[in-house]
Amino acid sequence: MIDLYTWPTPNGWKISIALEEMDLAYRAIPVNLLRGEQFAPGFLRISPNGRIPAIVDHEPADAGEPLALFESGAILLYLAEKTGRFLPRDVRGRAEVAQWLMWQVGGLGPMLGQHGHFLLYAPEKLDYAVARYGDEARRLFGVLDRRLEGREHICGAYSIADMACWPWVVTYKSQQIGLETFPNLRRWYDALKRRPGLRRGYDLHRELRSFGSGAQIASPPGSHPR
């Protein structure tokens, strides 16, 4: 069983999607960011950076003590290696997926996060910041659109790179970025959202909001409603 500490954010969606796609049993434990629960001492022992998502694997491959991990990219790699799924085993295929995963972790996520903050939440509207991060967000959408030309998925077969990028692209409406200018990205986005496992992982967070702090949702594989 894996404990997933999460909240409805793109980085949180990445891991619930991966757990569902990999058919892993898990418990989803909400960490309410609006109440500052990410800074609670108990959570900081699991995630020293005070950020979600984080996991605790109670059945690690070495049969040792429960293993805690934070940082969504590291968790995706760990889960893919644990299950032997969604990460190629050959050197070139693995490197290709790893670089696009790092591209999301280091670029797409942070830039969309900054754009969303200055566009929607900043107490003072800063036109320079909105323009700067908006231009970069659209540039990154263009990078992904070009990558997907002639490809069904980012790296050939469906992989953790797709699981990492899709939850950020899903924010395009709030980011006020139209997908009509990114036809390859639009096709990929629409195709992935029809995957049952992805839908379950994405929809899980609606349940977390309704259950509130301290709740645990036990989630055997394939258990979430479509």
Protein backbone atom coordinates (compact mmCIF):
# COMPACT_ATOMS: atom_id res chain seq x y z
CA MET A 1 0.00 0.00 0.00
CA ILE A 2 1.18 3.52 -0.83
CA ASP A 3 0.13 6.62 1.07
CA LEU A 4 -0.29 9.60 -1.26
CA TYR A 5 -0.19 13.03 0.36
CA THR A 6 -1.73 15.43 -2.10
CA TRP A 7 -4.04 18.32 -2.93
CA PRO A 8 -5.80 19.38 -6.17
CA THR A 9 -2.87 20.87 -8.09
CA PRO A 10 -1.19 19.78 -11.32
CA ASN A 11 1.71 18.24 -9.41
CA GLY A 12 -0.72 16.34 -7.21
CA TRP A 13 -2.65 15.10 -10.26
CA LYS A 14 0.54 13.67 -11.75
CA ILE A 15 0.93 11.12 -9.00
CA SER A 16 -2.70 10.08 -8.58
CA ILE A 17 -2.81 9.57 -12.36
CA ALA A 18 0.35 7.45 -12.24
CA LEU A 19 -0.94 5.34 -9.36
CA GLU A 20 -4.16 4.65 -11.23
CA GLU A 21 -2.45 3.95 -14.54
CA MET A 22 -0.01 1.57 -12.83
CA ASP A 23 -2.79 -0.27 -10.95
CA LEU A 24 -1.21 0.36 -7.56
CA ALA A 25 -3.25 0.31 -4.36
CA TYR A 26 -2.99 3.54 -2.40
CA ARG A 27 -4.54 5.76 0.23
CA ALA A 28 -5.04 9.40 -0.72
CA ILE A 29 -4.45 11.74 2.23
CA PRO A 30 -5.33 15.41 1.65
CA VAL A 31 -2.86 18.10 2.67
CA ASN A 32 -4.91 21.29 2.63
CA LEU A 33 -2.58 23.96 1.23
CA LEU A 34 -5.08 26.73 1.98
CA ARG A 35 -4.81 25.93 5.69
CA GLY A 36 -1.04 25.62 5.67
CA GLU A 37 -1.06 21.89 6.43
CA GLN A 38 2.03 21.45 4.23
CA PHE A 39 4.05 23.05 7.03
CA ALA A 40 2.87 20.71 9.77
CA PRO A 41 5.80 18.90 11.46
CA GLY A 42 4.41 15.47 10.60
CA PHE A 43 4.21 16.29 6.90
CA LEU A 44 7.64 17.96 6.88
CA ARG A 45 9.16 14.69 8.06
CA ILE A 46 7.86 13.14 4.82
CA SER A 47 8.36 16.14 2.53
CA PRO A 48 11.14 18.39 3.91
CA ASN A 49 10.43 21.07 1.29
CA GLY A 50 6.86 21.48 2.53
CA ARG A 51 5.31 20.74 -0.85
CA ILE A 52 2.92 18.17 -2.22
CA PRO A 53 2.87 15.55 -3.57
CA ALA A 54 4.69 13.07 -1.37
CA ILE A 55 4.31 9.34 -0.92
CA VAL A 56 5.14 6.67 1.62
CA ASP A 57 5.57 3.21 0.12
CA HIS A 58 4.85 0.61 2.79
CA GLU A 59 6.01 -2.21 0.51
CA PRO A 60 9.27 -1.08 -1.10
CA ALA A 61 11.16 -3.47 -3.34
CA ASP A 62 13.91 -4.03 -0.77
CA ALA A 63 11.33 -5.25 1.79
CA GLY A 64 12.72 -2.73 4.26
CA GLU A 65 11.14 0.06 6.27
CA PRO A 66 8.50 2.26 4.62
CA LEU A 67 10.08 4.56 2.05
CA ALA A 68 9.09 8.24 1.86
CA LEU A 69 9.62 10.32 -1.26
CA PHE A 70 8.90 13.91 -2.22
CA GLU A 71 9.22 15.79 -5.56
CA SER A 72 6.81 14.69 -8.28
CA GLY A 73 9.48 13.85 -10.88
CA ALA A 74 11.34 11.59 -8.47
CA ILE A 75 8.09 9.92 -7.45
CA LEU A 76 7.14 9.23 -11.08
CA LEU A 77 10.52 7.63 -11.74
CA TYR A 78 10.26 5.57 -8.57
CA LEU A 79 6.79 4.28 -9.38
CA ALA A 80 7.75 3.47 -12.98
CA GLU A 81 10.78 1.52 -11.77
CA LYS A 82 8.74 -0.20 -9.05
CA THR A 83 6.17 -1.48 -11.54
CA GLY A 84 8.32 -1.78 -14.65
CA ARG A 85 5.74 0.26 -16.55
CA PHE A 86 5.67 3.51 -18.56
CA LEU A 87 9.47 3.90 -18.62
CA PRO A 88 11.48 2.18 -21.35
CA ARG A 89 14.21 -0.19 -20.27
CA ASP A 90 16.56 0.47 -23.18
CA VAL A 91 19.15 3.21 -22.71
CA ARG A 92 17.92 5.54 -25.46
CA GLY A 93 14.22 5.18 -24.69
CA ARG A 94 14.78 5.76 -20.99
CA ALA A 95 16.92 8.84 -21.68
CA GLU A 96 14.25 10.26 -23.98
CA VAL A 97 11.52 9.92 -21.36
CA ALA A 98 13.79 11.25 -18.61
CA GLN A 99 14.67 14.41 -20.53
CA TRP A 100 11.02 15.26 -21.26
CA LEU A 101 10.13 14.57 -17.64
CA MET A 102 12.87 16.98 -16.56
CA TRP A 103 11.65 19.50 -19.15
CA GLN A 104 8.26 19.48 -17.46
CA VAL A 105 9.67 19.63 -13.94
CA GLY A 106 12.14 22.40 -14.73
CA GLY A 107 10.24 24.40 -17.32
CA LEU A 108 6.60 23.76 -18.13
CA GLY A 109 5.41 23.46 -14.53
CA PRO A 110 7.33 26.40 -13.01
CA MET A 111 6.57 28.78 -15.88
CA LEU A 112 2.85 27.97 -15.94
CA GLY A 113 2.82 28.24 -12.16
CA GLN A 114 4.32 31.72 -12.27
CA HIS A 115 2.04 32.81 -15.10
CA GLY A 116 -1.03 31.57 -13.26
CA HIS A 117 0.04 33.33 -10.08
CA PHE A 118 0.61 36.73 -11.65
CA LEU A 119 -2.41 36.44 -13.94
CA LEU A 120 -4.94 35.23 -11.37
CA TYR A 121 -3.75 35.59 -7.78
CA ALA A 122 -1.21 38.37 -7.35
CA PRO A 123 -2.64 41.14 -5.15
CA GLU A 124 -1.19 43.72 -7.52
CA LYS A 125 -1.49 43.33 -11.29
CA LEU A 126 2.01 43.49 -12.77
CA ASP A 127 1.74 43.72 -16.54
CA TYR A 128 5.43 42.98 -17.02
CA ALA A 129 5.24 39.72 -15.05
CA VAL A 130 2.05 38.61 -16.78
CA ALA A 131 3.57 39.28 -20.21
CA ARG A 132 6.93 37.69 -19.38
CA TYR A 133 5.53 34.44 -18.01
CA GLY A 134 2.67 34.34 -20.49
CA ASP A 135 5.09 34.56 -23.42
CA GLU A 136 7.20 31.78 -21.92
CA ALA A 137 4.16 29.60 -21.25
CA ARG A 138 3.05 29.93 -24.87
CA ARG A 139 6.60 29.24 -26.08
CA LEU A 140 6.66 26.01 -24.06
CA PHE A 141 3.26 24.99 -25.45
CA GLY A 142 4.83 25.49 -28.86
CA VAL A 143 7.79 23.28 -27.95
CA LEU A 144 5.43 20.49 -26.92
CA ASP A 145 3.24 21.02 -29.99
CA ARG A 146 6.24 20.59 -32.30
CA ARG A 147 7.37 17.53 -30.37
CA LEU A 148 3.97 15.91 -30.84
CA GLU A 149 3.87 16.43 -34.61
CA GLY A 150 3.53 12.94 -36.08
CA ARG A 151 3.60 11.36 -32.60
CA GLU A 152 0.76 9.88 -30.58
CA HIS A 153 2.63 10.46 -27.33
CA ILE A 154 5.61 12.53 -26.25
CA CYS A 155 8.11 9.67 -26.39
CA GLY A 156 6.57 7.03 -28.60
CA ALA A 157 4.64 4.84 -26.17
CA TYR A 158 2.55 6.42 -23.41
CA SER A 159 4.91 7.15 -20.52
CA ILE A 160 5.46 9.07 -17.31
CA ALA A 161 6.44 12.05 -19.50
CA ASP A 162 2.83 12.26 -20.69
CA MET A 163 1.56 11.83 -17.12
CA ALA A 164 3.77 14.72 -16.03
CA CYS A 165 2.82 17.16 -18.79
CA TRP A 166 -0.92 16.57 -19.17
CA PRO A 167 -1.93 17.92 -15.71
CA TRP A 168 -0.22 21.21 -16.51
CA VAL A 169 -1.71 21.51 -20.00
CA VAL A 170 -5.16 20.97 -18.47
CA THR A 171 -4.80 24.45 -16.91
CA TYR A 172 -4.81 26.11 -20.34
CA LYS A 173 -8.22 27.77 -19.86
CA SER A 174 -7.31 29.45 -16.60
CA GLN A 175 -3.96 30.37 -18.16
CA GLN A 176 -5.97 32.01 -20.98
CA ILE A 177 -4.00 30.11 -23.62
CA GLY A 178 -6.02 28.84 -26.56
CA LEU A 179 -5.15 25.38 -27.84
CA GLU A 180 -6.46 26.14 -31.32
CA THR A 181 -2.99 27.41 -32.27
CA PHE A 182 -1.40 24.17 -31.05
CA PRO A 183 -3.17 21.43 -33.07
CA ASN A 184 -0.81 18.58 -32.16
CA LEU A 185 -1.04 19.46 -28.49
CA ARG A 186 -4.83 19.67 -28.73
CA ARG A 187 -5.06 16.22 -30.33
CA TRP A 188 -2.78 14.70 -27.66
CA TYR A 189 -4.62 16.42 -24.82
CA ASP A 190 -8.03 15.21 -26.02
CA ALA A 191 -6.82 11.65 -26.57
CA LEU A 192 -5.27 11.35 -23.12
CA LYS A 193 -8.29 12.66 -21.27
CA ARG A 194 -10.24 9.67 -22.56
CA ARG A 195 -7.94 7.22 -20.76
CA PRO A 196 -9.87 5.65 -17.84
CA GLY A 197 -6.88 5.55 -15.51
CA LEU A 198 -6.01 9.17 -16.15
CA ARG A 199 -9.61 10.22 -15.56
CA ARG A 200 -9.73 8.37 -12.25
CA GLY A 201 -6.50 9.95 -11.09
CA TYR A 202 -7.66 13.41 -12.10
CA ASP A 203 -11.14 13.05 -10.61
CA LEU A 204 -9.80 11.79 -7.28
CA HIS A 205 -9.07 15.32 -6.16
CA ARG A 206 -12.71 16.30 -6.32
CA GLU A 207 -13.27 13.70 -3.61
CA LEU A 208 -10.40 15.06 -1.53
CA ARG A 209 -11.91 18.53 -1.47
CA SER A 210 -15.24 17.17 -0.27
CA PHE A 211 -13.73 14.93 2.40
CA GLY A 212 -11.51 17.65 3.84
CA SER A 213 -8.52 17.55 6.18
CA GLY A 214 -7.55 14.35 7.90
CA ALA A 215 -9.61 12.13 5.61
CA GLN A 216 -8.14 9.08 3.94
CA ILE A 217 -9.57 7.59 0.77
CA ALA A 218 -8.52 3.99 0.34
CA SER A 219 -8.03 3.36 -3.34
CA PRO A 220 -7.52 -0.18 -4.60
CA PRO A 221 -6.66 -0.30 -8.32
CA GLY A 222 -9.42 0.91 -10.61
CA SER A 223 -11.68 1.95 -7.75
CA HIS A 224 -12.50 5.54 -8.64
CA PRO A 225 -15.65 6.41 -10.53
CA ARG A 226 -15.22 7.43 -14.16
